[in-house]
Each structure stands twice: as C-alpha cells, then as structure tokens.
PDB file of N, CA and C in Angstrom:
ATOM      1  N   LEU A   1      28.893  58.165  39.522  1.00  0.00           N
ATOM      2  CA  LEU A   1      29.480  58.129  38.239  1.00  0.00           C
ATOM      3  C   LEU A   1      28.680  59.367  37.381  1.00  0.00           C
ATOM      4  N   ARG A   2      29.323  60.270  37.466  1.00  0.00           N
ATOM      5  CA  ARG A   2      28.881  61.180  36.808  1.00  0.00           C
ATOM      6  C   ARG A   2      29.334  61.076  35.207  1.00  0.00           C
ATOM      7  N   VAL A   3      28.437  61.118  34.474  1.00  0.00           N
ATOM      8  CA  VAL A   3      28.692  61.116  32.792  1.00  0.00           C
ATOM      9  C   VAL A   3      28.973  62.331  32.222  1.00  0.00           C
ATOM     10  N   ARG A   4      30.385  62.411  31.754  1.00  0.00           N
ATOM     11  CA  ARG A   4      30.619  63.657  31.577  1.00  0.00           C
ATOM     12  C   ARG A   4      30.128  63.912  29.481  1.00  0.00           C
ATOM     13  N   GLU A   5      30.111  64.967  29.481  1.00  0.00           N
ATOM     14  CA  GLU A   5      29.371  65.447  28.133  1.00  0.00           C
ATOM     15  C   GLU A   5      30.320  64.916  27.022  1.00  0.00           C
ATOM     16  N   GLU A   6      31.641  65.055  27.357  1.00  0.00           N
ATOM     17  CA  GLU A   6      32.816  64.946  26.510  1.00  0.00           C
ATOM     18  C   GLU A   6      32.818  63.101  26.236  1.00  0.00           C
ATOM     19  N   ASP A   7      32.503  62.298  27.173  1.00  0.00           N
ATOM     20  CA  ASP A   7      32.433  61.044  26.845  1.00  0.00           C
ATOM     21  C   ASP A   7      31.137  60.593  26.107  1.00  0.00           C
ATOM     22  N   LYS A   8      29.995  61.057  26.376  1.00  0.00           N
ATOM     23  CA  LYS A   8      29.028  60.877  25.602  1.00  0.00           C
ATOM     24  C   LYS A   8      29.227  61.118  24.182  1.00  0.00           C
ATOM     25  N   GLU A   9      29.881  62.219  23.735  1.00  0.00           N
ATOM     26  CA  GLU A   9      30.252  62.758  22.506  1.00  0.00           C
ATOM     27  C   GLU A   9      31.430  61.771  21.681  1.00  0.00           C
ATOM     28  N   ALA A  10      32.219  61.304  22.803  1.00  0.00           N
ATOM     29  CA  ALA A  10      33.176  60.325  22.219  1.00  0.00           C
ATOM     30  C   ALA A  10      32.720  58.951  21.711  1.00  0.00           C
ATOM     31  N   VAL A  11      31.738  58.635  22.549  1.00  0.00           N
ATOM     32  CA  VAL A  11      30.825  57.118  22.342  1.00  0.00           C
ATOM     33  C   VAL A  11      30.194  57.186  21.202  1.00  0.00           C
ATOM     34  N   ALA A  12      29.346  58.689  21.120  1.00  0.00           N
ATOM     35  CA  ALA A  12      28.432  58.911  19.941  1.00  0.00           C
ATOM     36  C   ALA A  12      29.325  58.662  18.529  1.00  0.00           C
ATOM     37  N   ALA A  13      30.641  59.232  18.756  1.00  0.00           N
ATOM     38  CA  ALA A  13      31.735  59.202  17.720  1.00  0.00           C
ATOM     39  C   ALA A  13      31.909  58.194  16.954  1.00  0.00           C
ATOM     40  N   LEU A  14      32.313  57.124  18.235  1.00  0.00           N
ATOM     41  CA  LEU A  14      32.383  55.691  17.878  1.00  0.00           C
ATOM     42  C   LEU A  14      31.421  55.041  16.987  1.00  0.00           C
ATOM     43  N   HIS A  15      30.280  55.354  17.350  1.00  0.00           N
ATOM     44  CA  HIS A  15      29.145  54.432  17.028  1.00  0.00           C
ATOM     45  C   HIS A  15      28.928  54.465  15.512  1.00  0.00           C
ATOM     46  N   HIS A  16      29.460  55.794  15.200  1.00  0.00           N
ATOM     47  CA  HIS A  16      29.363  55.725  13.674  1.00  0.00           C
ATOM     48  C   HIS A  16      30.342  55.643  12.691  1.00  0.00           C
ATOM     49  N   GLN A  17      31.455  55.082  13.399  1.00  0.00           N
ATOM     50  CA  GLN A  17      32.663  54.841  12.744  1.00  0.00           C
ATOM     51  C   GLN A  17      32.685  53.230  12.276  1.00  0.00           C
ATOM     52  N   PRO A  18      33.114  52.907  11.373  1.00  0.00           N
ATOM     53  CA  PRO A  18      33.191  51.555  10.744  1.00  0.00           C
ATOM     54  C   PRO A  18      34.037  50.681  11.671  1.00  0.00           C
ATOM     55  N   ILE A  19      33.950  49.361  11.707  1.00  0.00           N
ATOM     56  CA  ILE A  19      34.844  48.499  12.801  1.00  0.00           C
ATOM     57  C   ILE A  19      36.274  48.453  11.893  1.00  0.00           C
ATOM     58  N   ASP A  20      37.238  48.391  12.568  1.00  0.00           N
ATOM     59  CA  ASP A  20      38.573  48.105  11.994  1.00  0.00           C
ATOM     60  C   ASP A  20      38.824  46.828  11.278  1.00  0.00           C
ATOM     61  N   PRO A  21      39.013  46.765   9.944  1.00  0.00           N
ATOM     62  CA  PRO A  21      38.895  45.656   9.170  1.00  0.00           C
ATOM     63  C   PRO A  21      39.998  44.443   9.985  1.00  0.00           C
ATOM     64  N   ALA A  22      40.844  44.784  10.585  1.00  0.00           N
ATOM     65  CA  ALA A  22      41.893  43.985  11.053  1.00  0.00           C
ATOM     66  C   ALA A  22      41.228  43.386  12.385  1.00  0.00           C
ATOM     67  N   LEU A  23      40.261  43.811  13.143  1.00  0.00           N
ATOM     68  CA  LEU A  23      39.558  43.372  14.144  1.00  0.00           C
ATOM     69  C   LEU A  23      38.404  42.565  13.949  1.00  0.00           C
ATOM     70  N   ARG A  24      38.009  42.695  12.783  1.00  0.00           N
ATOM     71  CA  ARG A  24      36.616  42.449  12.168  1.00  0.00           C
ATOM     72  C   ARG A  24      36.742  40.814  11.818  1.00  0.00           C
ATOM     73  N   HIS A  25      37.699  40.359  11.473  1.00  0.00           N
ATOM     74  CA  HIS A  25      37.742  38.661  11.490  1.00  0.00           C
ATOM     75  C   HIS A  25      39.052  38.223  11.870  1.00  0.00           C
ATOM     76  N   MET A  26      39.123  38.854  13.141  1.00  0.00           N
ATOM     77  CA  MET A  26      39.965  38.213  14.299  1.00  0.00           C
ATOM     78  C   MET A  26      39.541  37.056  14.780  1.00  0.00           C
ATOM     79  N   GLU A  27      40.242  35.888  14.643  1.00  0.00           N
ATOM     80  CA  GLU A  27      39.978  34.478  15.141  1.00  0.00           C
ATOM     81  C   GLU A  27      40.210  34.333  16.581  1.00  0.00           C
ATOM     82  N   PHE A  28      39.232  33.856  17.492  1.00  0.00           N
ATOM     83  CA  PHE A  28      39.549  33.493  18.849  1.00  0.00           C
ATOM     84  C   PHE A  28      39.944  31.806  18.814  1.00  0.00           C
ATOM     85  N   PRO A  29      41.106  31.220  19.093  1.00  0.00           N
ATOM     86  CA  PRO A  29      41.455  29.961  19.025  1.00  0.00           C
ATOM     87  C   PRO A  29      40.209  28.831  19.749  1.00  0.00           C
ATOM     88  N   ARG A  30      39.741  29.422  21.171  1.00  0.00           N
ATOM     89  CA  ARG A  30      38.858  28.621  21.654  1.00  0.00           C
ATOM     90  C   ARG A  30      37.595  28.519  20.953  1.00  0.00           C
ATOM     91  N   LEU A  31      37.226  29.714  20.633  1.00  0.00           N
ATOM     92  CA  LEU A  31      35.914  29.898  20.015  1.00  0.00           C
ATOM     93  C   LEU A  31      35.967  28.867  18.278  1.00  0.00           C
ATOM     94  N   ALA A  32      36.772  29.115  18.022  1.00  0.00           N
ATOM     95  CA  ALA A  32      37.513  28.387  16.568  1.00  0.00           C
ATOM     96  C   ALA A  32      37.290  26.858  16.693  1.00  0.00           C
ATOM     97  N   ARG A  33      38.081  26.460  18.126  1.00  0.00           N
ATOM     98  CA  ARG A  33      37.944  25.018  18.341  1.00  0.00           C
ATOM     99  C   ARG A  33      36.584  24.627  18.562  1.00  0.00           C
ATOM    100  N   LYS A  34      35.999  25.352  19.471  1.00  0.00           N
ATOM    101  CA  LYS A  34      34.365  24.656  19.684  1.00  0.00           C
ATOM    102  C   LYS A  34      33.444  25.037  18.652  1.00  0.00           C
ATOM    103  N   ARG A  35      33.561  25.989  17.510  1.00  0.00           N
ATOM    104  CA  ARG A  35      32.815  25.779  16.463  1.00  0.00           C
ATOM    105  C   ARG A  35      33.316  24.471  15.371  1.00  0.00           C
ATOM    106  N   ALA A  36      34.463  24.273  15.420  1.00  0.00           N
ATOM    107  CA  ALA A  36      35.015  23.037  14.674  1.00  0.00           C
ATOM    108  C   ALA A  36      34.474  21.781  15.104  1.00  0.00           C
ATOM    109  N   GLN A  37      34.246  21.826  16.520  1.00  0.00           N
ATOM    110  CA  GLN A  37      33.851  20.787  17.255  1.00  0.00           C
ATOM    111  C   GLN A  37      32.257  20.538  16.951  1.00  0.00           C
ATOM    112  N   LYS A  38      31.596  21.665  17.085  1.00  0.00           N
ATOM    113  CA  LYS A  38      30.229  21.430  16.889  1.00  0.00           C
ATOM    114  C   LYS A  38      29.814  21.149  15.383  1.00  0.00           C
ATOM    115  N   ARG A  39      30.569  21.642  14.289  1.00  0.00           N
ATOM    116  CA  ARG A  39      30.343  21.363  13.296  1.00  0.00           C
ATOM    117  C   ARG A  39      30.374  19.695  12.935  1.00  0.00           C
ATOM    118  N   ASN A  40      31.848  19.110  13.536  1.00  0.00           N
ATOM    119  CA  ASN A  40      32.008  17.749  13.380  1.00  0.00           C
ATOM    120  C   ASN A  40      31.212  16.858  13.995  1.00  0.00           C
ATOM    121  N   THR A  41      30.469  17.306  15.155  1.00  0.00           N
ATOM    122  CA  THR A  41      29.056  16.654  15.701  1.00  0.00           C
ATOM    123  C   THR A  41      28.187  16.933  15.022  1.00  0.00           C
ATOM    124  N   HIS A  42      28.099  17.717  14.459  1.00  0.00           N
ATOM    125  CA  HIS A  42      26.737  18.249  13.611  1.00  0.00           C
ATOM    126  C   HIS A  42      26.582  17.034  12.640  1.00  0.00           C
ATOM    127  N   ASP A  43      28.008  17.312  11.699  1.00  0.00           N
ATOM    128  CA  ASP A  43      28.194  16.085  10.457  1.00  0.00           C
ATOM    129  C   ASP A  43      28.189  14.762  10.875  1.00  0.00           C
ATOM    130  N   ALA A  44      28.622  14.462  12.021  1.00  0.00           N
ATOM    131  CA  ALA A  44      28.552  12.986  12.539  1.00  0.00           C
ATOM    132  C   ALA A  44      27.196  12.493  12.592  1.00  0.00           C
ATOM    133  N   THR A  45      26.462  13.356  13.524  1.00  0.00           N
ATOM    134  CA  THR A  45      24.872  13.280  13.475  1.00  0.00           C
ATOM    135  C   THR A  45      24.207  12.988  12.318  1.00  0.00           C
ATOM    136  N   VAL A  46      24.351  14.065  11.262  1.00  0.00           N
ATOM    137  CA  VAL A  46      23.356  13.885  10.134  1.00  0.00           C
ATOM    138  C   VAL A  46      23.990  12.420   9.267  1.00  0.00           C
ATOM    139  N   LYS A  47      25.274  12.276   9.309  1.00  0.00           N
ATOM    140  CA  LYS A  47      25.527  11.190   8.560  1.00  0.00           C
ATOM    141  C   LYS A  47      24.789   9.834   9.291  1.00  0.00           C
ATOM    142  N   GLU A  48      24.691  10.050  10.610  1.00  0.00           N
ATOM    143  CA  GLU A  48      24.438   8.557  11.267  1.00  0.00           C
ATOM    144  C   GLU A  48      22.710   8.449  11.109  1.00  0.00           C
ATOM    145  N   PHE A  49      22.167   9.673  10.892  1.00  0.00           N
ATOM    146  CA  PHE A  49      20.871   9.902  10.579  1.00  0.00           C
ATOM    147  C   PHE A  49      20.442   9.343   9.443  1.00  0.00           C
ATOM    148  N   GLU A  50      21.341   9.618   8.155  1.00  0.00           N
ATOM    149  CA  GLU A  50      21.051   9.562   7.045  1.00  0.00           C
ATOM    150  C   GLU A  50      21.438   7.600   6.918  1.00  0.00           C
ATOM    151  N   THR A  51      22.270   7.349   7.601  1.00  0.00           N
ATOM    152  CA  THR A  51      22.482   6.008   7.597  1.00  0.00           C
ATOM    153  C   THR A  51      21.056   5.065   8.202  1.00  0.00           C
ATOM    154  N   THR A  52      20.950   5.424   9.417  1.00  0.00           N
ATOM    155  CA  THR A  52      19.532   5.007   9.879  1.00  0.00           C
ATOM    156  C   THR A  52      18.624   5.047   8.840  1.00  0.00           C
ATOM    157  N   LEU A  53      18.180   6.251   8.414  1.00  0.00           N
ATOM    158  CA  LEU A  53      17.076   6.487   7.466  1.00  0.00           C
ATOM    159  C   LEU A  53      17.224   5.284   6.439  1.00  0.00           C
ATOM    160  N   VAL A  54      18.238   5.210   5.845  1.00  0.00           N
ATOM    161  CA  VAL A  54      18.621   3.799   4.607  1.00  0.00           C
ATOM    162  C   VAL A  54      18.173   2.578   5.354  1.00  0.00           C
ATOM    163  N   GLN A  55      18.577   2.263   6.439  1.00  0.00           N
ATOM    164  CA  GLN A  55      18.235   0.891   7.036  1.00  0.00           C
ATOM    165  C   GLN A  55      16.904   0.946   7.119  1.00  0.00           C
ATOM    166  N   ILE A  56      16.097   1.988   7.815  1.00  0.00           N
ATOM    167  CA  ILE A  56      14.640   1.841   7.936  1.00  0.00           C
ATOM    168  C   ILE A  56      14.247   1.580   6.531  1.00  0.00           C
ATOM    169  N   SER A  57      14.403   2.490   5.811  1.00  0.00           N
ATOM    170  CA  SER A  57      13.710   2.370   4.234  1.00  0.00           C
ATOM    171  C   SER A  57      13.988   0.972   3.728  1.00  0.00           C
ATOM    172  N   ASP A  58      15.409   0.267   3.738  1.00  0.00           N
ATOM    173  CA  ASP A  58      15.360  -0.844   3.491  1.00  0.00           C
ATOM    174  C   ASP A  58      14.561  -1.760   4.134  1.00  0.00           C
ATOM    175  N   SER A  59      14.505  -1.862   5.384  1.00  0.00           N
ATOM    176  CA  SER A  59      13.668  -2.808   6.227  1.00  0.00           C
ATOM    177  C   SER A  59      12.273  -2.491   5.842  1.00  0.00           C
ATOM    178  N   LEU A  60      11.719  -1.597   5.745  1.00  0.00           N
ATOM    179  CA  LEU A  60      10.286  -1.349   5.407  1.00  0.00           C
ATOM    180  C   LEU A  60       9.716  -1.798   3.783  1.00  0.00           C
ATOM    181  N   GLU A  61      10.993  -1.529   2.957  1.00  0.00           N
ATOM    182  CA  GLU A  61      10.734  -1.846   1.443  1.00  0.00           C
ATOM    183  C   GLU A  61      10.387  -3.607   1.744  1.00  0.00           C
ATOM    184  N   VAL A  62      11.437  -4.231   2.292  1.00  0.00           N
ATOM    185  CA  VAL A  62      11.131  -5.677   2.313  1.00  0.00           C
ATOM    186  C   VAL A  62       9.930  -5.944   2.797  1.00  0.00           C
ATOM    187  N   LYS A  63       9.506  -5.532   4.041  1.00  0.00           N
ATOM    188  CA  LYS A  63       8.124  -5.749   4.618  1.00  0.00           C
ATOM    189  C   LYS A  63       6.948  -5.520   3.826  1.00  0.00           C
ATOM    190  N   VAL A  64       7.109  -4.408   3.078  1.00  0.00           N
ATOM    191  CA  VAL A  64       5.842  -4.063   1.948  1.00  0.00           C
ATOM    192  C   VAL A  64       5.734  -5.046   1.011  1.00  0.00           C
ATOM    193  N   ILE A  65       7.129  -5.386   0.330  1.00  0.00           N
ATOM    194  CA  ILE A  65       6.932  -6.259  -0.762  1.00  0.00           C
ATOM    195  C   ILE A  65       6.700  -7.479  -0.311  1.00  0.00           C
ATOM    196  N   GLU A  66       6.908  -8.114   1.143  1.00  0.00           N
ATOM    197  CA  GLU A  66       6.354  -9.536   1.485  1.00  0.00           C
ATOM    198  C   GLU A  66       4.967  -9.378   1.683  1.00  0.00           C
ATOM    199  N   ALA A  67       4.447  -7.930   2.327  1.00  0.00           N
ATOM    200  CA  ALA A  67       2.933  -8.028   2.464  1.00  0.00           C
ATOM    201  C   ALA A  67       2.291  -8.031   1.357  1.00  0.00           C
ATOM    202  N   SER A  68       2.887  -7.362   0.156  1.00  0.00           N
ATOM    203  CA  SER A  68       2.188  -7.448  -1.064  1.00  0.00           C
ATOM    204  C   SER A  68       1.814  -8.794  -1.464  1.00  0.00           C
ATOM    205  N   ARG A  69       3.166  -9.348  -1.374  1.00  0.00           N
ATOM    206  CA  ARG A  69       3.332 -11.020  -2.130  1.00  0.00           C
ATOM    207  C   ARG A  69       2.053 -11.827  -1.382  1.00  0.00           C
ATOM    208  N   GLU A  70       1.837 -11.665  -0.034  1.00  0.00           N
ATOM    209  CA  GLU A  70       0.900 -12.284   0.657  1.00  0.00           C
ATOM    210  C   GLU A  70      -0.418 -11.744   0.201  1.00  0.00           C
ATOM    211  N   LEU A  71      -0.556 -10.627   0.123  1.00  0.00           N
ATOM    212  CA  LEU A  71      -1.821 -10.067  -0.353  1.00  0.00           C
ATOM    213  C   LEU A  71      -2.609 -10.862  -1.546  1.00  0.00           C
ATOM    214  N   GLN A  72      -1.291 -10.835  -2.571  1.00  0.00           N
ATOM    215  CA  GLN A  72      -1.448 -11.441  -4.015  1.00  0.00           C
ATOM    216  C   GLN A  72      -1.728 -12.638  -3.831  1.00  0.00           C
ATOM    217  N   GLN A  73      -1.146 -13.461  -2.845  1.00  0.00           N
ATOM    218  CA  GLN A  73      -1.487 -15.106  -2.859  1.00  0.00           C
ATOM    219  C   GLN A  73      -2.954 -15.504  -2.399  1.00  0.00           C
ATOM    220  N   SER A  74      -3.477 -14.493  -1.268  1.00  0.00           N
ATOM    221  CA  SER A  74      -4.525 -14.349  -0.525  1.00  0.00           C
ATOM    222  C   SER A  74      -5.797 -14.180  -1.661  1.00  0.00           C
ATOM    223  N   LEU A  75      -5.493 -13.280  -2.649  1.00  0.00           N
ATOM    224  CA  LEU A  75      -6.454 -12.613  -3.259  1.00  0.00           C
ATOM    225  C   LEU A  75      -6.675 -13.623  -4.500  1.00  0.00           C
ATOM    226  N   SER A  76      -5.461 -14.232  -5.016  1.00  0.00           N
ATOM    227  CA  SER A  76      -5.526 -15.502  -5.894  1.00  0.00           C
ATOM    228  C   SER A  76      -6.180 -16.563  -5.457  1.00  0.00           C
ATOM    229  N   GLU A  77      -6.015 -17.146  -3.996  1.00  0.00           N
ATOM    230  CA  GLU A  77      -6.734 -18.010  -3.457  1.00  0.00           C
ATOM    231  C   GLU A  77      -8.368 -17.765  -3.479  1.00  0.00           C
ATOM    232  N   ALA A  78      -8.677 -16.465  -2.980  1.00  0.00           N
ATOM    233  CA  ALA A  78      -9.976 -16.278  -2.903  1.00  0.00           C
ATOM    234  C   ALA A  78     -10.853 -16.475  -4.148  1.00  0.00           C
ATOM    235  N   ASP A  79      -9.958 -15.765  -5.334  1.00  0.00           N
ATOM    236  CA  ASP A  79     -10.508 -15.895  -6.600  1.00  0.00           C
ATOM    237  C   ASP A  79     -11.052 -17.023  -7.213  1.00  0.00           C
ATOM    238  N   GLN A  80      -9.843 -17.921  -6.709  1.00  0.00           N
ATOM    239  CA  GLN A  80      -9.795 -19.385  -7.257  1.00  0.00           C
ATOM    240  C   GLN A  80     -11.116 -20.091  -6.845  1.00  0.00           C
ATOM    241  N   SER A  81     -11.252 -19.873  -5.419  1.00  0.00           N
ATOM    242  CA  SER A  81     -12.467 -20.299  -4.610  1.00  0.00           C
ATOM    243  C   SER A  81     -13.601 -20.249  -5.099  1.00  0.00           C
ATOM    244  N   MET A  82     -13.787 -18.692  -5.326  1.00  0.00           N
ATOM    245  CA  MET A  82     -15.035 -17.991  -5.986  1.00  0.00           C
ATOM    246  C   MET A  82     -15.290 -18.669  -7.495  1.00  0.00           C
ATOM    247  N   ALA A  83     -14.218 -18.867  -8.063  1.00  0.00           N
ATOM    248  CA  ALA A  83     -14.451 -19.607  -9.303  1.00  0.00           C
ATOM    249  C   ALA A  83     -14.969 -20.880  -9.518  1.00  0.00           C
ATOM    250  N   ASP A  84     -14.182 -21.660  -8.411  1.00  0.00           N
ATOM    251  CA  ASP A  84     -14.953 -23.055  -8.510  1.00  0.00           C
ATOM    252  C   ASP A  84     -16.270 -23.028  -7.807  1.00  0.00           C
ATOM    253  N   VAL A  85     -16.954 -22.156  -6.906  1.00  0.00           N
ATOM    254  CA  VAL A  85     -18.392 -22.222  -6.425  1.00  0.00           C
ATOM    255  C   VAL A  85     -19.235 -21.872  -7.612  1.00  0.00           C
ATOM    256  N   VAL A  86     -18.785 -20.628  -8.174  1.00  0.00           N
ATOM    257  CA  VAL A  86     -19.422 -20.393  -9.512  1.00  0.00           C
ATOM    258  C   VAL A  86     -19.756 -21.169 -10.412  1.00  0.00           C
ATOM    259  N   ALA A  87     -18.333 -21.759 -10.812  1.00  0.00           N
ATOM    260  CA  ALA A  87     -18.516 -22.926 -11.981  1.00  0.00           C
ATOM    261  C   ALA A  87     -19.445 -24.035 -11.311  1.00  0.00           C
ATOM    262  N   GLU A  88     -19.534 -24.439 -10.112  1.00  0.00           N
ATOM    263  CA  GLU A  88     -20.180 -25.815  -9.752  1.00  0.00           C
ATOM    264  C   GLU A  88     -21.984 -25.137 -10.052  1.00  0.00           C
ATOM    265  N   LEU A  89     -22.315 -23.583  -9.631  1.00  0.00           N
ATOM    266  CA  LEU A  89     -23.589 -23.246  -9.609  1.00  0.00           C
ATOM    267  C   LEU A  89     -23.835 -22.984 -11.100  1.00  0.00           C
ATOM    268  N   ASN A  90     -23.000 -22.813 -11.936  1.00  0.00           N
ATOM    269  CA  ASN A  90     -23.482 -22.955 -13.381  1.00  0.00           C
ATOM    270  C   ASN A  90     -23.978 -24.091 -13.843  1.00  0.00           C
ATOM    271  N   GLN A  91     -23.833 -25.203 -13.353  1.00  0.00           N
ATOM    272  CA  GLN A  91     -24.240 -26.339 -13.874  1.00  0.00           C
ATOM    273  C   GLN A  91     -25.613 -26.633 -13.506  1.00  0.00           C
ATOM    274  N   ASP A  92     -26.242 -26.551 -14.553  1.00  0.00           N
ATOM    275  CA  ASP A  92     -27.819 -26.711 -14.212  1.00  0.00           C
ATOM    276  C   ASP A  92     -28.239 -28.069 -13.833  1.00  0.00           C
ATOM    277  N   ALA A  93     -27.413 -29.297 -13.963  1.00  0.00           N
ATOM    278  CA  ALA A  93     -27.664 -30.591 -13.613  1.00  0.00           C
ATOM    279  C   ALA A  93     -27.388 -30.872 -12.454  1.00  0.00           C
ATOM    280  N   ILE A  94     -26.639 -30.077 -11.799  1.00  0.00           N
ATOM    281  CA  ILE A  94     -26.282 -30.255 -10.299  1.00  0.00           C
ATOM    282  C   ILE A  94     -27.232 -29.500  -9.474  1.00  0.00           C
ATOM    283  N   LEU A  95     -27.575 -28.270 -10.078  1.00  0.00           N
ATOM    284  CA  LEU A  95     -28.663 -27.491  -9.281  1.00  0.00           C
ATOM    285  C   LEU A  95     -29.929 -28.166  -9.085  1.00  0.00           C
ATOM    286  N   VAL A  96     -30.309 -28.741 -10.043  1.00  0.00           N
ATOM    287  CA  VAL A  96     -31.463 -29.599 -10.132  1.00  0.00           C
ATOM    288  C   VAL A  96     -31.585 -30.483  -9.113  1.00  0.00           C
ATOM    289  N   GLN A  97     -30.454 -31.110  -8.676  1.00  0.00           N
ATOM    290  CA  GLN A  97     -30.721 -32.414  -7.797  1.00  0.00           C
ATOM    291  C   GLN A  97     -30.331 -31.970  -6.461  1.00  0.00           C
ATOM    292  N   GLN A  98     -29.766 -30.777  -6.415  1.00  0.00           N
ATOM    293  CA  GLN A  98     -29.592 -30.315  -4.877  1.00  0.00           C
ATOM    294  C   GLN A  98     -30.534 -29.408  -4.159  1.00  0.00           C
ATOM    295  N   ASP A  99     -30.791 -29.611  -2.765  1.00  0.00           N
ATOM    296  CA  ASP A  99     -31.731 -29.035  -2.382  1.00  0.00           C
ATOM    297  C   ASP A  99     -31.382 -27.651  -2.028  1.00  0.00           C
ATOM    298  N   GLU A 100     -32.540 -26.704  -1.347  1.00  0.00           N
ATOM    299  CA  GLU A 100     -32.298 -25.193  -0.876  1.00  0.00           C
ATOM    300  C   GLU A 100     -31.290 -25.106   0.076  1.00  0.00           C
ATOM    301  N   GLN A 101     -30.935 -25.904   0.919  1.00  0.00           N
ATOM    302  CA  GLN A 101     -29.616 -25.886   1.833  1.00  0.00           C
ATOM    303  C   GLN A 101     -28.422 -25.843   0.917  1.00  0.00           C
ATOM    304  N   TYR A 102     -28.022 -26.598  -0.108  1.00  0.00           N
ATOM    305  CA  TYR A 102     -26.813 -26.560  -0.613  1.00  0.00           C
ATOM    306  C   TYR A 102     -26.695 -25.171  -1.399  1.00  0.00           C
ATOM    307  N   LEU A 103     -27.810 -24.558  -1.750  1.00  0.00           N
ATOM    308  CA  LEU A 103     -27.698 -23.491  -2.654  1.00  0.00           C
ATOM    309  C   LEU A 103     -27.369 -22.463  -1.561  1.00  0.00           C
ATOM    310  N   ALA A 104     -28.041 -22.365  -0.132  1.00  0.00           N
ATOM    311  CA  ALA A 104     -27.289 -21.306   0.813  1.00  0.00           C
ATOM    312  C   ALA A 104     -26.050 -21.487   1.335  1.00  0.00           C
ATOM    313  N   GLU A 105     -25.459 -22.653   1.394  1.00  0.00           N
ATOM    314  CA  GLU A 105     -24.206 -22.945   1.723  1.00  0.00           C
ATOM    315  C   GLU A 105     -23.389 -22.369   0.528  1.00  0.00           C
ATOM    316  N   ALA A 106     -23.852 -22.639  -0.500  1.00  0.00           N
ATOM    317  CA  ALA A 106     -22.699 -22.122  -1.825  1.00  0.00           C
ATOM    318  C   ALA A 106     -22.734 -20.705  -1.538  1.00  0.00           C
ATOM    319  N   TRP A 107     -23.915 -19.889  -1.159  1.00  0.00           N
ATOM    320  CA  TRP A 107     -23.885 -18.333  -1.174  1.00  0.00           C
ATOM    321  C   TRP A 107     -22.952 -17.984   0.089  1.00  0.00           C
ATOM    322  N   ALA A 108     -22.891 -18.957   1.094  1.00  0.00           N
ATOM    323  CA  ALA A 108     -22.339 -18.265   2.338  1.00  0.00           C
ATOM    324  C   ALA A 108     -20.847 -18.622   2.130  1.00  0.00           C
ATOM    325  N   THR A 109     -20.337 -19.568   1.206  1.00  0.00           N
ATOM    326  CA  THR A 109     -19.145 -19.722   0.484  1.00  0.00           C
ATOM    327  C   THR A 109     -18.427 -18.619   0.028  1.00  0.00           C
ATOM    328  N   LEU A 110     -19.554 -18.228  -1.014  1.00  0.00           N
ATOM    329  CA  LEU A 110     -19.143 -16.818  -1.839  1.00  0.00           C
ATOM    330  C   LEU A 110     -18.723 -15.809  -0.884  1.00  0.00           C
ATOM    331  N   ASP A 111     -19.828 -15.478  -0.016  1.00  0.00           N
ATOM    332  CA  ASP A 111     -19.552 -14.235   1.154  1.00  0.00           C
ATOM    333  C   ASP A 111     -18.126 -14.390   1.816  1.00  0.00           C
ATOM    334  N   GLN A 112     -17.915 -15.581   2.098  1.00  0.00           N
ATOM    335  CA  GLN A 112     -16.466 -15.620   2.918  1.00  0.00           C
ATOM    336  C   GLN A 112     -15.190 -15.568   1.989  1.00  0.00           C
ATOM    337  N   CYS A 113     -15.775 -15.875   0.793  1.00  0.00           N
ATOM    338  CA  CYS A 113     -14.039 -15.502  -0.082  1.00  0.00           C
ATOM    339  C   CYS A 113     -14.149 -14.215  -0.183  1.00  0.00           C
TER     340      CYS A 113
END
C-alpha cells in the first residue's frame, strides 16, 4: 500500500470543501424508523413516569393529611389532660386535703402528657 502523493493531495483538497447540501440532509429509512421508535418509547416512558409521580404525590398527600389530623387530635387530647390536671392543682382547698403522694402523681401525669 504505497500512498501516492496525488492521493494525499486529493484527500486534503476534499477536507476543506463543504459537504454537498443534497447529501447533508439525506434520510436513511432504517435510521429514521429507529429514531422515531426511540422518540415514541421515550415519550411513553416520560408519560408513564409523570403518571406514576402524580399517583405517588396524591397518595402521599392523603397520608400527610391523615397524619397531621391524628397529630392535631393527640395534641388536643394532651392539652385537655394537662388543663384538667392544672385546674385541679389550682384549687387550694383540694391541695390542702391531699398528701405529698397525690402531688407527685399529678406531676407525673403532667410529665406523661
């Protein structure tokens, strides 16, 4: 394989020439089908992903709302329990009649709330 100087010059000359516009946008049918198939597969996958995201979002929203309502209910019950104990401790007549054990139990009840 002897490379002739003429061939080198011919290739070098082609390197600087612009590509023929007729060949530049030539479409190959198999490549076009493959590209369309990839695009369709991609679009379907994106659509499926978006649908899955919406479903997950909806289920999470419901769970968060349920959890927040349960938390509100628990806090309301704890506040009411604390208010009942404090109201009882604010009555001097009851405290005078009770012993130290009663007061310790009241404080323990407040700690549990």
